[in-house]
Amino acid sequence: MTDESGPTAPQRACFEAGIKFGTLYHQFAGTPITPESAPSLARAMEAAIENQPHCVAVTVEIAEERLAAAVADGPASYVEFTGRYANVEIVVEREGYRVTTAMTLEDGYPLMRVESVEVV
C-alpha cells in the first residue's frame, strides 16, 4: 500500500544520498589498500560517485593512521578497504534541496548519516 501523496522532495533528495553511500561502500568494500595506494583509491571513489545523477560533491579522506596501523598489525602488506578507513562527505542536490551526508567511524562502526537538508 502506498501513500497517495508520495515522498516529499527533501525525502527524495535524502534517498538519492543514501543510494550514493550504498554504491560507494559496497562497490569498494574489499578492495586491497595500502598507505601508498590510499590517495588513488580515494580519488577513484570520488570520481565514481560524482558520476551519479544529482551528486554535486564527494570528498573521501582515508584515515591514514588507522590504515597504517592495520597494515602493520596484519599478516600482509595491505588490508581490505572497509568504512573504518575512510571519512566521507557526499552532497546531493535534487528538486531544489541540497542534502549533505557523512560517514565517520563511531564506536568502531562506519556510521552514515544526514548532516543537513537545505533549500537551494
Protein backbone atom coordinates (compact mmCIF):
# COMPACT_ATOMS: atom_id res chain seq x y z
CA MET A 1 0.00 0.00 0.00
CA THR A 2 1.41 3.42 -0.90
CA ASP A 3 0.69 6.86 0.45
CA GLU A 4 -1.10 8.81 -2.28
CA SER A 5 0.91 11.92 -1.51
CA GLY A 6 4.22 10.08 -2.03
CA PRO A 7 7.59 11.11 -0.64
CA THR A 8 8.45 14.78 -0.32
CA ALA A 9 11.19 16.46 -2.36
CA PRO A 10 13.55 16.53 0.68
CA GLN A 11 12.87 12.83 1.27
CA ARG A 12 13.69 12.04 -2.37
CA ALA A 13 16.92 14.04 -2.07
CA CYS A 14 17.87 12.12 1.09
CA PHE A 15 17.12 8.84 -0.67
CA GLU A 16 19.48 9.86 -3.50
CA ALA A 17 22.22 10.49 -0.96
CA GLY A 18 21.63 7.08 0.58
CA ILE A 19 21.95 5.44 -2.83
CA LYS A 20 25.31 7.15 -3.29
CA PHE A 21 26.58 5.81 0.05
CA GLY A 22 25.36 2.31 -0.71
CA THR A 23 27.18 2.40 -4.02
CA LEU A 24 30.38 3.81 -2.55
CA TYR A 25 30.53 1.37 0.33
CA HIS A 26 29.58 -1.80 -1.47
CA GLN A 27 31.43 -1.10 -4.72
CA PHE A 28 34.75 -0.57 -2.96
CA ALA A 29 34.50 -2.81 0.12
CA GLY A 30 37.18 -5.47 -0.09
CA THR A 31 39.49 -3.51 -2.39
CA PRO A 32 43.13 -4.10 -1.39
CA ILE A 33 44.52 -0.86 0.06
CA THR A 34 47.90 0.26 1.38
CA PRO A 35 49.03 3.62 2.69
CA GLU A 36 50.68 4.19 -0.71
CA SER A 37 47.56 3.34 -2.74
CA ALA A 38 45.10 5.14 -0.44
CA PRO A 39 45.15 8.52 -2.24
CA SER A 40 44.43 6.97 -5.65
CA LEU A 41 41.64 4.80 -4.23
CA ALA A 42 40.09 7.86 -2.56
CA ARG A 43 40.16 9.80 -5.87
CA ALA A 44 38.66 6.82 -7.75
CA MET A 45 35.86 6.61 -5.19
CA GLU A 46 35.13 10.31 -5.51
CA ALA A 47 35.10 10.20 -9.31
CA ALA A 48 32.87 7.12 -9.46
CA ILE A 49 30.24 8.54 -7.13
CA GLU A 50 30.32 12.03 -8.66
CA ASN A 51 29.24 10.45 -11.96
CA GLN A 52 25.86 9.56 -10.49
CA PRO A 53 22.79 11.75 -11.03
CA HIS A 54 22.18 14.62 -8.60
CA CYS A 55 25.61 14.28 -6.96
CA VAL A 56 27.42 17.61 -6.72
CA ALA A 57 30.38 16.80 -4.47
CA VAL A 58 32.15 13.84 -2.89
CA THR A 59 35.10 14.00 -0.51
CA VAL A 60 36.84 10.82 0.61
CA GLU A 61 39.56 11.17 3.22
CA ILE A 62 41.43 8.00 4.12
CA ALA A 63 42.13 7.59 7.84
CA GLU A 64 45.86 7.15 7.28
CA GLU A 65 46.83 6.33 10.87
CA ARG A 66 44.18 3.60 11.18
CA LEU A 67 45.14 2.19 7.79
CA ALA A 68 48.89 2.17 8.52
CA ALA A 69 48.31 0.53 11.92
CA ALA A 70 46.12 -2.18 10.38
CA VAL A 71 48.70 -2.95 7.72
CA ALA A 72 51.49 -3.03 10.31
CA ASP A 73 49.48 -5.37 12.55
CA GLY A 74 48.30 -7.63 9.74
CA PRO A 75 49.79 -10.66 8.01
CA ALA A 76 50.03 -8.98 4.57
CA SER A 77 51.33 -5.75 3.10
CA TYR A 78 47.76 -4.49 2.59
CA VAL A 79 44.29 -4.62 4.14
CA GLU A 80 40.87 -4.77 2.54
CA PHE A 81 39.06 -1.46 2.37
CA THR A 82 36.14 -1.03 4.75
CA GLY A 83 34.39 2.05 6.03
CA ARG A 84 36.61 2.12 9.09
CA TYR A 85 39.40 3.53 6.92
CA ALA A 86 37.51 6.48 5.43
CA ASN A 87 35.70 9.66 6.31
CA VAL A 88 33.30 10.59 3.53
CA GLU A 89 31.07 13.54 2.70
CA ILE A 90 28.55 13.38 -0.15
CA VAL A 91 26.44 16.33 -1.30
CA VAL A 92 23.35 15.79 -3.44
CA GLU A 93 21.04 18.38 -4.98
CA ARG A 94 17.60 17.37 -6.16
CA GLU A 95 14.36 19.26 -6.71
CA GLY A 96 15.62 22.42 -5.01
CA TYR A 97 17.16 20.73 -1.97
CA ARG A 98 20.77 20.17 -1.02
CA VAL A 99 21.48 17.20 1.23
CA THR A 100 24.85 16.87 2.91
CA THR A 101 25.69 13.43 4.27
CA ALA A 102 28.71 11.99 6.05
CA MET A 103 30.28 8.71 7.06
CA THR A 104 32.65 8.60 10.02
CA LEU A 105 33.81 5.92 12.39
CA GLU A 106 31.79 5.93 15.63
CA ASP A 107 32.43 3.29 18.27
CA GLY A 108 34.22 1.15 15.68
CA TYR A 109 31.36 1.32 13.16
CA PRO A 110 31.28 3.40 9.92
CA LEU A 111 28.10 5.39 10.59
CA MET A 112 26.40 7.09 7.63
CA ARG A 113 24.07 9.97 8.41
CA VAL A 114 22.32 13.03 7.03
CA GLU A 115 24.12 16.14 8.22
CA SER A 116 21.79 18.75 6.73
CA VAL A 117 18.92 19.36 4.32
CA GLU A 118 18.79 22.86 2.85
CA VAL A 119 16.71 24.71 0.30
CA VAL A 120 18.86 25.88 -2.65
